Amino acid sequence: STFSSSAMGWFRQAPGQEREFVAAITGS
């Protein structure tokens, strides 16, 4: 029930690499 107030993000990880930030959106 906390989705609308939660910040959300997308990250990605390629083979042999660290997870990296792609995009984020704050809560409403």
PDB file of all heavy atoms in Angstrom:
ATOM      1  N   SER A   1       0.794  -1.221   0.000  1.00  0.00           N
ATOM      2  CA  SER A   1       0.000   0.000   0.000  1.00  0.00           C
ATOM      3  C   SER A   1       0.829   1.274   0.000  1.00  0.00           C
ATOM      4  O   SER A   1       0.285   2.365  -0.002  1.00  0.00           O
ATOM      5  CB  SER A   1      -0.918   0.004   1.224  1.00  0.00           C
ATOM      6  OG  SER A   1      -0.132  -0.047   2.406  1.00  0.00           O
ATOM      7  N   THR A   2       2.141   1.132   0.001  1.00  0.00           N
ATOM      8  CA  THR A   2       2.999   2.314   0.086  1.00  0.00           C
ATOM      9  C   THR A   2       3.528   2.759  -1.260  1.00  0.00           C
ATOM     10  O   THR A   2       4.362   3.652  -1.338  1.00  0.00           O
ATOM     11  CB  THR A   2       4.196   2.033   1.014  1.00  0.00           C
ATOM     12  OG1 THR A   2       4.983   0.975   0.456  1.00  0.00           O
ATOM     13  CG2 THR A   2       3.731   1.645   2.408  1.00  0.00           C
ATOM     14  N   PHE A   3       3.059   2.146  -2.350  1.00  0.00           N
ATOM     15  CA  PHE A   3       3.672   2.381  -3.651  1.00  0.00           C
ATOM     16  C   PHE A   3       3.688   3.850  -4.031  1.00  0.00           C
ATOM     17  O   PHE A   3       4.711   4.386  -4.450  1.00  0.00           O
ATOM     18  CB  PHE A   3       2.954   1.564  -4.727  1.00  0.00           C
ATOM     19  CG  PHE A   3       3.513   1.797  -6.113  1.00  0.00           C
ATOM     20  CD1 PHE A   3       4.666   1.163  -6.509  1.00  0.00           C
ATOM     21  CD2 PHE A   3       2.878   2.664  -7.003  1.00  0.00           C
ATOM     22  CE1 PHE A   3       5.189   1.377  -7.776  1.00  0.00           C
ATOM     23  CE2 PHE A   3       3.402   2.890  -8.267  1.00  0.00           C
ATOM     24  CZ  PHE A   3       4.570   2.234  -8.652  1.00  0.00           C
ATOM     25  N   SER A   4       2.560   4.517  -3.904  1.00  0.00           N
ATOM     26  CA  SER A   4       2.475   5.884  -4.428  1.00  0.00           C
ATOM     27  C   SER A   4       3.448   6.835  -3.740  1.00  0.00           C
ATOM     28  O   SER A   4       3.872   7.829  -4.327  1.00  0.00           O
ATOM     29  CB  SER A   4       1.046   6.414  -4.305  1.00  0.00           C
ATOM     30  OG  SER A   4       0.667   6.488  -2.945  1.00  0.00           O
ATOM     31  N   SER A   5       3.800   6.560  -2.512  1.00  0.00           N
ATOM     32  CA  SER A   5       4.714   7.434  -1.785  1.00  0.00           C
ATOM     33  C   SER A   5       6.160   6.965  -1.846  1.00  0.00           C
ATOM     34  O   SER A   5       7.048   7.629  -1.316  1.00  0.00           O
ATOM     35  CB  SER A   5       4.286   7.546  -0.322  1.00  0.00           C
ATOM     36  OG  SER A   5       4.323   6.284   0.303  1.00  0.00           O
ATOM     37  N   SER A   6       6.420   5.851  -2.492  1.00  0.00           N
ATOM     38  CA  SER A   6       7.756   5.267  -2.528  1.00  0.00           C
ATOM     39  C   SER A   6       8.517   5.694  -3.776  1.00  0.00           C
ATOM     40  O   SER A   6       7.981   5.657  -4.880  1.00  0.00           O
ATOM     41  CB  SER A   6       7.685   3.740  -2.498  1.00  0.00           C
ATOM     42  OG  SER A   6       7.055   3.276  -1.323  1.00  0.00           O
ATOM     43  N   ALA A   7       9.766   6.037  -3.586  1.00  0.00           N
ATOM     44  CA  ALA A   7      10.637   6.247  -4.739  1.00  0.00           C
ATOM     45  C   ALA A   7      10.922   4.893  -5.388  1.00  0.00           C
ATOM     46  O   ALA A   7      11.054   3.881  -4.695  1.00  0.00           O
ATOM     47  CB  ALA A   7      11.930   6.907  -4.309  1.00  0.00           C
ATOM     48  N   MET A   8      11.016   4.885  -6.697  1.00  0.00           N
ATOM     49  CA  MET A   8      11.273   3.662  -7.454  1.00  0.00           C
ATOM     50  C   MET A   8      12.469   3.888  -8.366  1.00  0.00           C
ATOM     51  O   MET A   8      12.708   5.002  -8.846  1.00  0.00           O
ATOM     52  CB  MET A   8      10.062   3.291  -8.294  1.00  0.00           C
ATOM     53  CG  MET A   8       8.776   3.074  -7.516  1.00  0.00           C
ATOM     54  SD  MET A   8       8.839   1.655  -6.415  1.00  0.00           S
ATOM     55  CE  MET A   8       8.969   0.308  -7.620  1.00  0.00           C
ATOM     56  N   GLY A   9      13.199   2.823  -8.615  1.00  0.00           N
ATOM     57  CA  GLY A   9      14.369   2.952  -9.468  1.00  0.00           C
ATOM     58  C   GLY A   9      14.549   1.756 -10.372  1.00  0.00           C
ATOM     59  O   GLY A   9      13.984   0.684 -10.134  1.00  0.00           O
ATOM     60  N   TRP A  10      15.307   1.977 -11.423  1.00  0.00           N
ATOM     61  CA  TRP A  10      15.749   0.906 -12.312  1.00  0.00           C
ATOM     62  C   TRP A  10      17.272   0.884 -12.309  1.00  0.00           C
ATOM     63  O   TRP A  10      17.919   1.939 -12.434  1.00  0.00           O
ATOM     64  CB  TRP A  10      15.257   1.127 -13.740  1.00  0.00           C
ATOM     65  CG  TRP A  10      13.803   0.848 -13.951  1.00  0.00           C
ATOM     66  CD1 TRP A  10      12.783   1.758 -13.965  1.00  0.00           C
ATOM     67  CD2 TRP A  10      13.192  -0.428 -14.185  1.00  0.00           C
ATOM     68  NE1 TRP A  10      11.587   1.125 -14.188  1.00  0.00           N
ATOM     69  CE2 TRP A  10      11.806  -0.215 -14.337  1.00  0.00           C
ATOM     70  CE3 TRP A  10      13.677  -1.731 -14.288  1.00  0.00           C
ATOM     71  CZ2 TRP A  10      10.902  -1.249 -14.576  1.00  0.00           C
ATOM     72  CZ3 TRP A  10      12.782  -2.762 -14.532  1.00  0.00           C
ATOM     73  CH2 TRP A  10      11.418  -2.521 -14.678  1.00  0.00           C
ATOM     74  N   PHE A  11      17.808  -0.311 -12.175  1.00  0.00           N
ATOM     75  CA  PHE A  11      19.246  -0.534 -12.239  1.00  0.00           C
ATOM     76  C   PHE A  11      19.502  -1.621 -13.269  1.00  0.00           C
ATOM     77  O   PHE A  11      18.587  -2.354 -13.664  1.00  0.00           O
ATOM     78  CB  PHE A  11      19.789  -0.966 -10.874  1.00  0.00           C
ATOM     79  CG  PHE A  11      19.794   0.133  -9.848  1.00  0.00           C
ATOM     80  CD1 PHE A  11      18.620   0.579  -9.261  1.00  0.00           C
ATOM     81  CD2 PHE A  11      20.992   0.739  -9.465  1.00  0.00           C
ATOM     82  CE1 PHE A  11      18.624   1.608  -8.319  1.00  0.00           C
ATOM     83  CE2 PHE A  11      21.007   1.754  -8.525  1.00  0.00           C
ATOM     84  CZ  PHE A  11      19.817   2.187  -7.958  1.00  0.00           C
ATOM     85  N   ARG A  12      20.746  -1.753 -13.687  1.00  0.00           N
ATOM     86  CA  ARG A  12      21.087  -2.830 -14.604  1.00  0.00           C
ATOM     87  C   ARG A  12      22.462  -3.387 -14.273  1.00  0.00           C
ATOM     88  O   ARG A  12      23.292  -2.689 -13.681  1.00  0.00           O
ATOM     89  CB  ARG A  12      21.040  -2.351 -16.053  1.00  0.00           C
ATOM     90  CG  ARG A  12      22.092  -1.322 -16.419  1.00  0.00           C
ATOM     91  CD  ARG A  12      21.846  -0.784 -17.833  1.00  0.00           C
ATOM     92  NE  ARG A  12      22.848   0.181 -18.234  1.00  0.00           N
ATOM     93  CZ  ARG A  12      22.794   0.880 -19.362  1.00  0.00           C
ATOM     94  NH1 ARG A  12      21.763   0.732 -20.203  1.00  0.00           N
ATOM     95  NH2 ARG A  12      23.752   1.748 -19.659  1.00  0.00           N
ATOM     96  N   GLN A  13      22.664  -4.615 -14.652  1.00  0.00           N
ATOM     97  CA  GLN A  13      23.945  -5.266 -14.396  1.00  0.00           C
ATOM     98  C   GLN A  13      24.304  -6.130 -15.589  1.00  0.00           C
ATOM     99  O   GLN A  13      23.575  -7.080 -15.923  1.00  0.00           O
ATOM    100  CB  GLN A  13      23.882  -6.105 -13.122  1.00  0.00           C
ATOM    101  CG  GLN A  13      25.214  -6.669 -12.691  1.00  0.00           C
ATOM    102  CD  GLN A  13      25.171  -7.212 -11.282  1.00  0.00           C
ATOM    103  OE1 GLN A  13      24.111  -7.483 -10.725  1.00  0.00           O
ATOM    104  NE2 GLN A  13      26.339  -7.376 -10.681  1.00  0.00           N
ATOM    105  N   ALA A  14      25.409  -5.791 -16.219  1.00  0.00           N
ATOM    106  CA  ALA A  14      25.943  -6.579 -17.324  1.00  0.00           C
ATOM    107  C   ALA A  14      26.910  -7.617 -16.769  1.00  0.00           C
ATOM    108  O   ALA A  14      27.445  -7.436 -15.668  1.00  0.00           O
ATOM    109  CB  ALA A  14      26.640  -5.666 -18.325  1.00  0.00           C
ATOM    110  N   PRO A  15      27.163  -8.695 -17.497  1.00  0.00           N
ATOM    111  CA  PRO A  15      28.079  -9.743 -17.013  1.00  0.00           C
ATOM    112  C   PRO A  15      29.452  -9.169 -16.657  1.00  0.00           C
ATOM    113  O   PRO A  15      30.044  -8.430 -17.431  1.00  0.00           O
ATOM    114  CB  PRO A  15      28.158 -10.701 -18.196  1.00  0.00           C
ATOM    115  CG  PRO A  15      26.884 -10.512 -18.919  1.00  0.00           C
ATOM    116  CD  PRO A  15      26.556  -9.056 -18.790  1.00  0.00           C
ATOM    117  N   GLY A  16      29.916  -9.522 -15.477  1.00  0.00           N
ATOM    118  CA  GLY A  16      31.233  -9.087 -15.038  1.00  0.00           C
ATOM    119  C   GLY A  16      31.312  -7.648 -14.585  1.00  0.00           C
ATOM    120  O   GLY A  16      32.400  -7.158 -14.266  1.00  0.00           O
ATOM    121  N   GLN A  17      30.171  -6.969 -14.545  1.00  0.00           N
ATOM    122  CA  GLN A  17      30.169  -5.573 -14.145  1.00  0.00           C
ATOM    123  C   GLN A  17      29.304  -5.369 -12.909  1.00  0.00           C
ATOM    124  O   GLN A  17      28.464  -6.202 -12.574  1.00  0.00           O
ATOM    125  CB  GLN A  17      29.667  -4.692 -15.286  1.00  0.00           C
ATOM    126  CG  GLN A  17      30.536  -4.747 -16.528  1.00  0.00           C
ATOM    127  CD  GLN A  17      30.109  -3.746 -17.578  1.00  0.00           C
ATOM    128  OE1 GLN A  17      29.407  -2.776 -17.301  1.00  0.00           O
ATOM    129  NE2 GLN A  17      30.534  -3.969 -18.810  1.00  0.00           N
ATOM    130  N   GLU A  18      29.507  -4.242 -12.251  1.00  0.00           N
ATOM    131  CA  GLU A  18      28.709  -3.930 -11.082  1.00  0.00           C
ATOM    132  C   GLU A  18      27.334  -3.403 -11.503  1.00  0.00           C
ATOM    133  O   GLU A  18      27.156  -2.890 -12.607  1.00  0.00           O
ATOM    134  CB  GLU A  18      29.427  -2.895 -10.217  1.00  0.00           C
ATOM    135  CG  GLU A  18      30.708  -3.410  -9.586  1.00  0.00           C
ATOM    136  CD  GLU A  18      31.271  -2.448  -8.563  1.00  0.00           C
ATOM    137  OE1 GLU A  18      30.737  -1.329  -8.437  1.00  0.00           O
ATOM    138  OE2 GLU A  18      32.238  -2.819  -7.892  1.00  0.00           O
ATOM    139  N   ARG A  19      26.393  -3.539 -10.594  1.00  0.00           N
ATOM    140  CA  ARG A  19      25.053  -3.009 -10.843  1.00  0.00           C
ATOM    141  C   ARG A  19      25.133  -1.485 -10.916  1.00  0.00           C
ATOM    142  O   ARG A  19      25.790  -0.850 -10.088  1.00  0.00           O
ATOM    143  CB  ARG A  19      24.110  -3.454  -9.744  1.00  0.00           C
ATOM    144  CG  ARG A  19      22.653  -3.191 -10.030  1.00  0.00           C
ATOM    145  CD  ARG A  19      21.760  -3.882  -9.003  1.00  0.00           C
ATOM    146  NE  ARG A  19      21.923  -5.334  -9.032  1.00  0.00           N
ATOM    147  CZ  ARG A  19      21.141  -6.179  -8.373  1.00  0.00           C
ATOM    148  NH1 ARG A  19      20.116  -5.713  -7.664  1.00  0.00           N
ATOM    149  NH2 ARG A  19      21.342  -7.469  -8.434  1.00  0.00           N
ATOM    150  N   GLU A  20      24.479  -0.911 -11.925  1.00  0.00           N
ATOM    151  CA  GLU A  20      24.552   0.529 -12.087  1.00  0.00           C
ATOM    152  C   GLU A  20      23.166   1.150 -12.186  1.00  0.00           C
ATOM    153  O   GLU A  20      22.210   0.523 -12.668  1.00  0.00           O
ATOM    154  CB  GLU A  20      25.371   0.901 -13.334  1.00  0.00           C
ATOM    155  CG  GLU A  20      24.780   0.456 -14.648  1.00  0.00           C
ATOM    156  CD  GLU A  20      25.632   0.854 -15.845  1.00  0.00           C
ATOM    157  OE1 GLU A  20      26.831   1.170 -15.669  1.00  0.00           O
ATOM    158  OE2 GLU A  20      25.091   0.850 -16.973  1.00  0.00           O
ATOM    159  N   PHE A  21      23.093   2.372 -11.751  1.00  0.00           N
ATOM    160  CA  PHE A  21      21.856   3.143 -11.781  1.00  0.00           C
ATOM    161  C   PHE A  21      21.460   3.445 -13.219  1.00  0.00           C
ATOM    162  O   PHE A  21      22.309   3.765 -14.051  1.00  0.00           O
ATOM    163  CB  PHE A  21      22.062   4.443 -11.011  1.00  0.00           C
ATOM    164  CG  PHE A  21      20.964   5.451 -11.189  1.00  0.00           C
ATOM    165  CD1 PHE A  21      19.760   5.302 -10.532  1.00  0.00           C
ATOM    166  CD2 PHE A  21      21.150   6.545 -12.012  1.00  0.00           C
ATOM    167  CE1 PHE A  21      18.749   6.241 -10.698  1.00  0.00           C
ATOM    168  CE2 PHE A  21      20.150   7.487 -12.181  1.00  0.00           C
ATOM    169  CZ  PHE A  21      18.947   7.334 -11.519  1.00  0.00           C
ATOM    170  N   VAL A  22      20.157   3.338 -13.495  1.00  0.00           N
ATOM    171  CA  VAL A  22      19.636   3.703 -14.812  1.00  0.00           C
ATOM    172  C   VAL A  22      18.686   4.892 -14.701  1.00  0.00           C
ATOM    173  O   VAL A  22      18.862   5.910 -15.373  1.00  0.00           O
ATOM    174  CB  VAL A  22      18.911   2.515 -15.474  1.00  0.00           C
ATOM    175  CG1 VAL A  22      18.293   2.948 -16.809  1.00  0.00           C
ATOM    176  CG2 VAL A  22      19.855   1.342 -15.670  1.00  0.00           C
ATOM    177  N   ALA A  23      17.679   4.767 -13.847  1.00  0.00           N
ATOM    178  CA  ALA A  23      16.688   5.841 -13.738  1.00  0.00           C
ATOM    179  C   ALA A  23      15.949   5.713 -12.420  1.00  0.00           C
ATOM    180  O   ALA A  23      15.902   4.631 -11.826  1.00  0.00           O
ATOM    181  CB  ALA A  23      15.693   5.772 -14.896  1.00  0.00           C
ATOM    182  N   ALA A  24      15.395   6.831 -11.966  1.00  0.00           N
ATOM    183  CA  ALA A  24      14.637   6.841 -10.722  1.00  0.00           C
ATOM    184  C   ALA A  24      13.498   7.829 -10.815  1.00  0.00           C
ATOM    185  O   ALA A  24      13.561   8.804 -11.587  1.00  0.00           O
ATOM    186  CB  ALA A  24      15.555   7.189  -9.540  1.00  0.00           C
ATOM    187  N   ILE A  25      12.472   7.577 -10.020  1.00  0.00           N
ATOM    188  CA  ILE A  25      11.332   8.477  -9.953  1.00  0.00           C
ATOM    189  C   ILE A  25      10.907   8.573  -8.501  1.00  0.00           C
ATOM    190  O   ILE A  25      10.811   7.566  -7.803  1.00  0.00           O
ATOM    191  CB  ILE A  25      10.187   7.981 -10.867  1.00  0.00           C
ATOM    192  CG1 ILE A  25       9.045   8.992 -10.917  1.00  0.00           C
ATOM    193  CG2 ILE A  25       9.702   6.594 -10.469  1.00  0.00           C
ATOM    194  CD1 ILE A  25       8.049   8.710 -12.042  1.00  0.00           C
ATOM    195  N   THR A  26      10.656   9.778  -8.041  1.00  0.00           N
ATOM    196  CA  THR A  26      10.265   9.953  -6.656  1.00  0.00           C
ATOM    197  C   THR A  26       8.790   9.598  -6.472  1.00  0.00           C
ATOM    198  O   THR A  26       8.055   9.387  -7.437  1.00  0.00           O
ATOM    199  CB  THR A  26      10.490  11.407  -6.209  1.00  0.00           C
ATOM    200  OG1 THR A  26       9.677  12.264  -7.018  1.00  0.00           O
ATOM    201  CG2 THR A  26      11.950  11.802  -6.343  1.00  0.00           C
ATOM    202  N   GLY A  27       8.370   9.535  -5.217  1.00  0.00           N
ATOM    203  CA  GLY A  27       6.975   9.297  -4.939  1.00  0.00           C
ATOM    204  C   GLY A  27       6.127  10.487  -5.346  1.00  0.00           C
ATOM    205  O   GLY A  27       6.623  11.576  -5.573  1.00  0.00           O
ATOM    206  N   SER A  28       4.838  10.255  -5.432  1.00  0.00           N
ATOM    207  CA  SER A  28       3.941  11.301  -5.934  1.00  0.00           C
ATOM    208  C   SER A  28       3.886  12.502  -5.011  1.00  0.00           C
ATOM    209  O   SER A  28       3.559  13.603  -5.440  1.00  0.00           O
ATOM    210  CB  SER A  28       2.542  10.723  -6.147  1.00  0.00           C
ATOM    211  OG  SER A  28       2.573   9.735  -7.142  1.00  0.00           O
TER     212      SER A  28
END
